[in-house]
Protein backbone atom coordinates (compact mmCIF):
# COMPACT_ATOMS: atom_id res chain seq x y z
CA UNK A 1 56.40 74.28 -46.50
CA UNK A 2 58.30 71.30 -45.23
CA UNK A 3 58.20 68.52 -48.03
CA UNK A 4 60.07 65.14 -48.34
CA UNK A 5 63.72 65.67 -49.04
CA UNK A 6 64.31 64.27 -52.59
CA UNK A 7 66.73 66.77 -53.69
CA UNK A 8 69.87 65.01 -55.54
CA UNK A 9 70.87 68.16 -57.55
CA UNK A 10 73.99 70.42 -56.90
CA UNK A 11 74.14 73.67 -58.34
CA UNK A 12 77.73 74.46 -59.83
CA UNK A 13 77.62 78.09 -60.30
CA UNK A 14 78.75 80.94 -57.95
CA UNK A 15 77.43 84.53 -58.28
CA UNK A 16 78.42 87.54 -56.75
CA UNK A 17 75.50 89.82 -55.22
CA UNK A 18 75.90 93.19 -56.55
CA UNK A 19 75.51 96.02 -54.23
CA UNK A 20 75.81 100.05 -53.89
CA UNK A 21 73.53 102.75 -54.81
CA UNK A 22 73.54 102.66 -58.45
CA UNK A 23 70.55 101.15 -60.36
CA UNK A 24 70.98 97.37 -59.75
CA UNK A 25 72.11 95.43 -62.93
CA UNK A 26 73.82 92.22 -63.98
CA UNK A 27 73.57 89.07 -61.97
CA UNK A 28 72.22 88.72 -58.45
CA UNK A 29 71.41 85.73 -55.98
CA UNK A 30 68.27 85.87 -53.94
CA UNK A 31 68.34 83.77 -50.88
CA UNK A 32 65.61 82.83 -48.48
CA UNK A 33 63.86 80.02 -46.30
CA UNK A 34 61.10 78.16 -47.89
CA UNK A 35 59.70 74.52 -47.53
CA UNK A 36 61.56 73.53 -44.68
CA UNK A 37 64.76 74.55 -45.87
CA UNK A 38 66.18 77.45 -48.15
CA UNK A 39 65.84 78.57 -51.56
CA UNK A 40 68.25 80.42 -54.24
CA UNK A 41 67.20 82.38 -57.07
CA UNK A 42 69.85 83.52 -59.46
CA UNK A 43 68.97 86.15 -62.24
CA UNK A 44 70.20 88.49 -64.76
CA UNK A 45 68.44 92.06 -63.94
CA UNK A 46 70.06 93.67 -66.81
CA UNK A 47 67.03 95.82 -68.25
CA UNK A 48 64.60 95.22 -65.93
CA UNK A 49 64.93 98.16 -63.47
CA UNK A 50 64.01 95.66 -60.33
CA UNK A 51 66.09 95.79 -57.21
CA UNK A 52 67.09 92.57 -55.39
CA UNK A 53 65.10 93.87 -52.49
CA UNK A 54 61.97 93.88 -54.45
CA UNK A 55 62.65 90.72 -55.86
CA UNK A 56 63.14 88.91 -52.58
CA UNK A 57 59.98 90.57 -51.09
CA UNK A 58 57.72 89.23 -54.17
CA UNK A 59 59.29 85.70 -54.28
CA UNK A 60 58.75 85.38 -50.46
CA UNK A 61 55.19 86.39 -50.75
CA UNK A 62 54.58 83.85 -53.76
CA UNK A 63 56.27 81.07 -51.39
CA UNK A 64 54.23 82.04 -48.43
CA UNK A 65 50.96 81.90 -50.57
CA UNK A 66 51.97 78.32 -51.50
CA UNK A 67 52.93 77.29 -48.04
CA UNK A 68 49.53 78.26 -46.58
CA UNK A 69 47.79 76.63 -49.37
CA UNK A 70 49.60 73.26 -50.15
CA UNK A 71 51.87 72.47 -47.09
CA UNK A 72 50.76 69.49 -45.25
CA UNK A 73 53.29 70.52 -42.27
CA UNK A 74 51.57 73.74 -41.72
CA UNK A 75 48.73 73.08 -39.57
CA UNK A 76 46.65 76.50 -40.80
CA UNK A 77 47.15 75.68 -44.32
CA UNK A 78 44.14 74.80 -46.65
CA UNK A 79 45.67 71.40 -47.39
CA UNK A 80 45.93 70.62 -43.67
CA UNK A 81 42.42 71.87 -43.25
CA UNK A 82 41.20 69.69 -45.96
CA UNK A 83 42.95 66.64 -44.49
CA UNK A 84 41.18 67.23 -41.01
CA UNK A 85 37.83 67.05 -42.59
CA UNK A 86 37.24 70.79 -42.36
CA UNK A 87 34.65 72.39 -44.93
CA UNK A 88 35.89 75.66 -46.57
CA UNK A 89 36.02 77.39 -49.67
CA UNK A 90 39.42 76.26 -51.44
CA UNK A 91 41.53 78.95 -53.28
CA UNK A 92 42.13 78.89 -57.07
CA UNK A 93 45.60 77.56 -56.11
CA UNK A 94 44.51 74.71 -54.18
CA UNK A 95 41.77 73.88 -56.89
CA UNK A 96 44.50 74.02 -59.82
CA UNK A 97 46.82 71.83 -58.03
CA UNK A 98 43.99 69.22 -57.35
CA UNK A 99 43.23 69.51 -61.05
CA UNK A 100 46.82 68.88 -62.34
CA UNK A 101 47.17 65.93 -59.85
CA UNK A 102 44.32 64.39 -61.23
CA UNK A 103 45.56 64.60 -64.71
CA UNK A 104 49.03 63.15 -63.41
CA UNK A 105 47.30 60.20 -61.69
CA UNK A 106 45.32 59.37 -64.96
CA UNK A 107 48.45 59.74 -67.23
CA UNK A 108 50.59 57.50 -65.08
CA UNK A 109 47.88 54.80 -64.67
CA UNK A 110 47.73 55.47 -60.74
CA UNK A 111 51.48 55.08 -60.29
CA UNK A 112 51.46 59.10 -59.11
CA UNK A 113 48.70 59.57 -57.00
CA UNK A 114 48.34 62.59 -54.48
CA UNK A 115 45.28 60.95 -52.92
CA UNK A 116 47.24 58.05 -51.78
CA UNK A 117 48.22 60.21 -48.86
CA UNK A 118 46.94 57.69 -46.10
CA UNK A 119 49.25 55.12 -47.54
CA UNK A 120 52.27 57.39 -47.07
CA UNK A 121 51.18 58.25 -43.52
CA UNK A 122 50.71 54.55 -42.46
CA UNK A 123 54.25 53.83 -43.72
CA UNK A 124 55.76 57.02 -42.04
CA UNK A 125 56.77 58.66 -45.17
CA UNK A 126 53.75 61.35 -45.09
CA UNK A 127 52.91 63.49 -42.08
CA UNK A 128 53.75 60.99 -39.43
CA UNK A 129 56.79 58.89 -37.99
CA UNK A 130 57.68 55.46 -39.65
CA UNK A 131 55.96 52.47 -38.92
CA UNK A 132 55.52 48.73 -40.43
CA UNK A 133 51.95 48.33 -40.90
CA UNK A 134 50.23 44.96 -41.08
CA UNK A 135 48.91 43.81 -44.39
CA UNK A 136 45.25 44.06 -43.36
CA UNK A 137 45.83 47.58 -42.54
CA UNK A 138 47.59 48.33 -45.84
CA UNK A 139 44.58 46.55 -47.77
CA UNK A 140 42.02 48.42 -45.92
CA UNK A 141 43.64 51.89 -46.87
CA UNK A 142 44.36 50.94 -50.37
CA UNK A 143 40.46 50.25 -51.02
CA UNK A 144 39.42 53.32 -49.99
CA UNK A 145 41.99 56.11 -50.79
CA UNK A 146 42.80 57.54 -54.20
CA UNK A 147 42.31 60.82 -56.06
CA UNK A 148 40.40 59.18 -58.82
CA UNK A 149 37.75 57.86 -56.14
CA UNK A 150 37.33 61.62 -55.46
CA UNK A 151 34.64 63.92 -57.07
CA UNK A 152 36.49 65.99 -59.89
CA UNK A 153 36.03 69.14 -58.33
CA UNK A 154 37.78 69.77 -55.01
CA UNK A 155 35.09 71.59 -53.30
CA UNK A 156 32.81 68.53 -53.49
CA UNK A 157 35.03 66.39 -51.49
CA UNK A 158 34.90 68.74 -48.36
CA UNK A 159 34.44 67.07 -45.20
CA UNK A 160 34.38 63.44 -46.78
CA UNK A 161 37.45 62.08 -45.07
CA UNK A 162 39.87 62.13 -47.97
CA UNK A 163 43.50 63.09 -47.62
CA UNK A 164 46.09 64.59 -49.94
CA UNK A 165 49.88 64.97 -50.14
CA UNK A 166 51.32 67.10 -52.90
CA UNK A 167 54.98 66.39 -51.83
CA UNK A 168 55.45 64.84 -55.19
CA UNK A 169 54.75 68.02 -57.07
CA UNK A 170 54.62 70.75 -54.96
CA UNK A 171 58.44 71.78 -55.09
CA UNK A 172 58.48 71.78 -58.77
CA UNK A 173 55.21 73.67 -58.94
CA UNK A 174 56.83 76.32 -56.54
CA UNK A 175 59.87 76.78 -58.92
CA UNK A 176 57.46 77.31 -62.13
CA UNK A 177 55.25 79.78 -60.06
CA UNK A 178 58.36 81.76 -59.10
CA UNK A 179 59.58 81.42 -62.93
CA UNK A 180 56.58 82.63 -64.07
CA UNK A 181 56.78 85.62 -62.03
CA UNK A 182 60.42 86.48 -63.39
CA UNK A 183 59.48 85.89 -66.83
CA UNK A 184 56.77 88.64 -66.26
CA UNK A 185 59.21 91.11 -64.84
CA UNK A 186 61.33 90.74 -67.93
CA UNK A 187 63.90 88.45 -66.77
CA UNK A 188 65.18 85.85 -69.15
CA UNK A 189 68.29 84.51 -67.45
CA UNK A 190 67.33 82.67 -64.41
CA UNK A 191 67.99 79.65 -62.14
CA UNK A 192 65.21 78.87 -59.58
CA UNK A 193 66.22 76.44 -56.89
CA UNK A 194 63.51 75.66 -54.44
CA UNK A 195 64.45 71.80 -53.68
CA UNK A 196 64.01 71.28 -57.40
CA UNK A 197 65.16 73.22 -60.29
CA UNK A 198 63.90 75.49 -62.96
CA UNK A 199 66.37 77.30 -65.38
CA UNK A 200 66.53 79.35 -68.50
CA UNK A 201 68.95 81.42 -70.48
CA UNK A 202 72.68 81.68 -69.50
CA UNK A 203 74.74 82.01 -66.24
CA UNK A 204 77.07 84.94 -65.63
CA UNK A 205 79.80 83.25 -67.71
CA UNK A 206 77.57 83.22 -70.90
CA UNK A 207 77.18 79.44 -70.60
CA UNK A 208 74.24 77.00 -69.72
CA UNK A 209 73.49 76.37 -66.18
CA UNK A 210 75.38 73.48 -64.66
CA UNK A 211 73.75 70.89 -62.34
CA UNK A 212 75.50 68.21 -60.51
CA UNK A 213 73.65 64.96 -60.01
CA UNK A 214 74.77 63.50 -56.53
CA UNK A 215 76.02 59.82 -56.15
CA UNK A 216 73.02 57.48 -54.81
CA UNK A 217 74.79 56.36 -51.80
CA UNK A 218 72.39 55.35 -48.91
CA UNK A 219 72.28 58.13 -46.21
CA UNK A 220 74.17 60.63 -48.46
CA UNK A 221 73.21 64.09 -47.16
CA UNK A 222 76.10 65.89 -48.08
CA UNK A 223 75.19 67.43 -51.56
CA UNK A 224 77.89 67.98 -54.03
CA UNK A 225 80.18 65.89 -52.32
CA UNK A 226 80.19 63.02 -54.89
CA UNK A 227 78.91 63.35 -58.23
CA UNK A 228 77.67 60.80 -60.45
CA UNK A 229 77.45 63.21 -63.18
CA UNK A 230 76.95 66.99 -64.49
CA UNK A 231 74.33 68.46 -66.70
CA UNK A 232 74.64 71.74 -68.52
CA UNK A 233 71.63 73.40 -70.26
CA UNK A 234 71.71 74.78 -73.73
CA UNK A 235 69.56 77.90 -72.60
CA UNK A 236 66.39 76.48 -73.22
CA UNK A 237 63.63 76.83 -70.50
CA UNK A 238 63.34 73.61 -68.52
CA UNK A 239 62.88 71.94 -65.21
CA UNK A 240 65.56 69.48 -63.95
CA UNK A 241 64.72 67.30 -60.91
CA UNK A 242 66.22 64.24 -59.19
CA UNK A 243 64.05 61.61 -57.14
CA UNK A 244 65.77 58.86 -55.20
CA UNK A 245 65.49 56.44 -52.63
CA UNK A 246 68.72 56.82 -50.84
CA UNK A 247 68.01 59.90 -48.41
CA UNK A 248 64.59 59.07 -47.09
CA UNK A 249 64.11 55.64 -45.88
CA UNK A 250 64.37 53.49 -42.85
CA UNK A 251 65.61 49.64 -41.82
CA UNK A 252 63.59 47.45 -39.76
CA UNK A 253 64.30 43.75 -39.31
CA UNK A 254 67.36 43.92 -41.57
CA UNK A 255 64.98 45.13 -44.58
CA UNK A 256 65.17 48.65 -46.16
CA UNK A 257 61.81 50.40 -46.72
CA UNK A 258 62.08 53.41 -49.23
CA UNK A 259 60.02 56.36 -49.18
CA UNK A 260 58.72 55.63 -52.59
CA UNK A 261 55.29 53.92 -52.34
CA UNK A 262 53.42 52.43 -55.14
CA UNK A 263 49.73 53.83 -55.00
CA UNK A 264 48.58 50.75 -56.92
CA UNK A 265 50.02 48.16 -54.43
CA UNK A 266 50.13 50.13 -51.24
CA UNK A 267 53.81 48.96 -50.62
CA UNK A 268 57.41 50.55 -50.97
CA UNK A 269 59.01 49.65 -54.22
CA UNK A 270 61.57 46.94 -54.09
CA UNK A 271 63.10 47.41 -57.46
CA UNK A 272 67.00 48.50 -58.15
CA UNK A 273 66.44 52.04 -59.17
CA UNK A 274 68.19 54.45 -56.93
CA UNK A 275 67.68 57.76 -58.64
CA UNK A 276 65.95 59.01 -61.49
CA UNK A 277 66.75 62.46 -62.99
CA UNK A 278 64.19 64.03 -65.63
CA UNK A 279 64.43 67.19 -67.70
CA UNK A 280 60.96 68.28 -68.85
CA UNK A 281 59.45 71.56 -70.07
CA UNK A 282 58.34 72.59 -66.44
CA UNK A 283 59.72 71.86 -62.95
CA UNK A 284 56.42 70.56 -62.15
CA UNK A 285 56.48 67.83 -64.98
CA UNK A 286 60.12 67.10 -64.03
CA UNK A 287 59.22 66.70 -60.49
CA UNK A 288 56.15 64.53 -60.93
CA UNK A 289 57.89 62.37 -63.73
CA UNK A 290 61.04 61.93 -61.60
CA UNK A 291 58.70 60.30 -58.92
CA UNK A 292 57.00 58.25 -61.34
CA UNK A 293 59.94 56.90 -62.75
CA UNK A 294 60.86 55.67 -58.96
CA UNK A 295 57.79 53.89 -58.87
CA UNK A 296 57.96 51.94 -62.05
CA UNK A 297 61.58 50.84 -62.07
CA UNK A 298 64.48 50.94 -64.35
CA UNK A 299 63.14 49.12 -67.59
CA UNK A 300 59.82 50.98 -67.97
CA UNK A 301 61.39 54.33 -66.88
CA UNK A 302 63.63 54.05 -69.86
CA UNK A 303 60.73 53.06 -72.08
CA UNK A 304 58.67 55.83 -71.05
CA UNK A 305 61.51 58.68 -71.31
CA UNK A 306 62.38 57.39 -74.90
CA UNK A 307 58.44 57.62 -75.65
CA UNK A 308 58.45 61.31 -74.97
CA UNK A 309 60.09 63.99 -77.27
CA UNK A 310 59.77 66.42 -74.38
CA UNK A 311 61.59 64.75 -71.92
CA UNK A 312 65.19 63.65 -71.17
CA UNK A 313 66.31 61.34 -68.34
CA UNK A 314 69.40 60.00 -66.25
CA UNK A 315 68.90 57.03 -64.37
CA UNK A 316 71.22 55.38 -61.76
CA UNK A 317 70.49 51.70 -60.69
CA UNK A 318 72.40 49.02 -58.61
CA UNK A 319 73.71 45.85 -60.36
CA UNK A 320 74.86 43.61 -57.62
CA UNK A 321 77.71 45.73 -55.60
CA UNK A 322 78.06 48.38 -58.21
CA UNK A 323 76.04 51.45 -59.53
CA UNK A 324 75.10 51.70 -63.10
CA UNK A 325 73.69 54.55 -65.19
CA UNK A 326 71.57 54.94 -68.46
CA UNK A 327 71.08 58.42 -70.04
CA UNK A 328 68.71 59.36 -72.87
CA UNK A 329 70.59 60.63 -75.91
CA UNK A 330 69.52 64.33 -75.25
CA UNK A 331 70.67 63.94 -71.65
CA UNK A 332 73.97 62.30 -72.58
CA UNK A 333 74.89 65.35 -75.07
CA UNK A 334 74.33 67.75 -72.33
CA UNK A 335 76.55 65.90 -69.73
CA UNK A 336 80.32 67.21 -68.85
CA UNK A 337 83.15 65.84 -67.30
CA UNK A 338 83.28 66.74 -63.62
CA UNK A 339 86.75 68.21 -64.13
CA UNK A 340 85.12 70.97 -66.00
CA UNK A 341 82.77 71.70 -63.49
CA UNK A 342 84.06 75.12 -62.30
């Protein structure tokens, strides 16, 4: 499944994959292709009896199921069929994602709305190339799209012309789904990186997993080259996701148009928040709420993060010609100096 590139996190651990004929144990890294890129799953197999080969087979099957259900770039997926107006019986996975998305829309007051897919398309950040739509077009689309305009049951919306785009939460959801499988398999030390990150337990050094937050410089595609900060987990289960406006944008007539669209206005955001990193109980929450912060801007994001006992956050924003940062108390306690990242 190919999703919009939001990833601004860099893994800072290296694991040697064990090989040989003996029963596999210890830490291994499973790699593969998913969602238009690659994935890495790092786990401690001690006490599980699982082989790396079986692990990869099962993970690939999970990600294939998600791709054939939720990808807007897979023309045969259920999402693509729904967006084309076809009528079919949606899978439980599709129904679940729709229900979860409605709750995020309600919770954020419409700032996070997967039903705003036509707005992303018309601005060139959905499943189309970039464009600069006239105000009349934006207004017309804004008045007719949105998940809260739809029936609460996905199947009841079939063939009615609605469109959905799960890019804001699908990668986090994928991480959680793989992590759930790993937990059921008896694995307790894990890091799941599928564009976004879920981690739990300890790394091979017996410490929390380390994740670097990239410097939000426009066009920066070289992950890990320049870090703004390094976060280290305390071993508890959580998702950590960064959303930003510096890797997906275009410039027309000297003006920058970011891929973060405010579904409430129909226009790309224009505030000074460059990236938002959220630590939450699940990668789905972290994914969704990092995007939410990018919609609402620095001040409201700070207030929102501090209002939630289950969240930590790290905001990078422009102030004149410099980049400034703000970290919630809990996030700040878990940041390390870059010199100690190895």
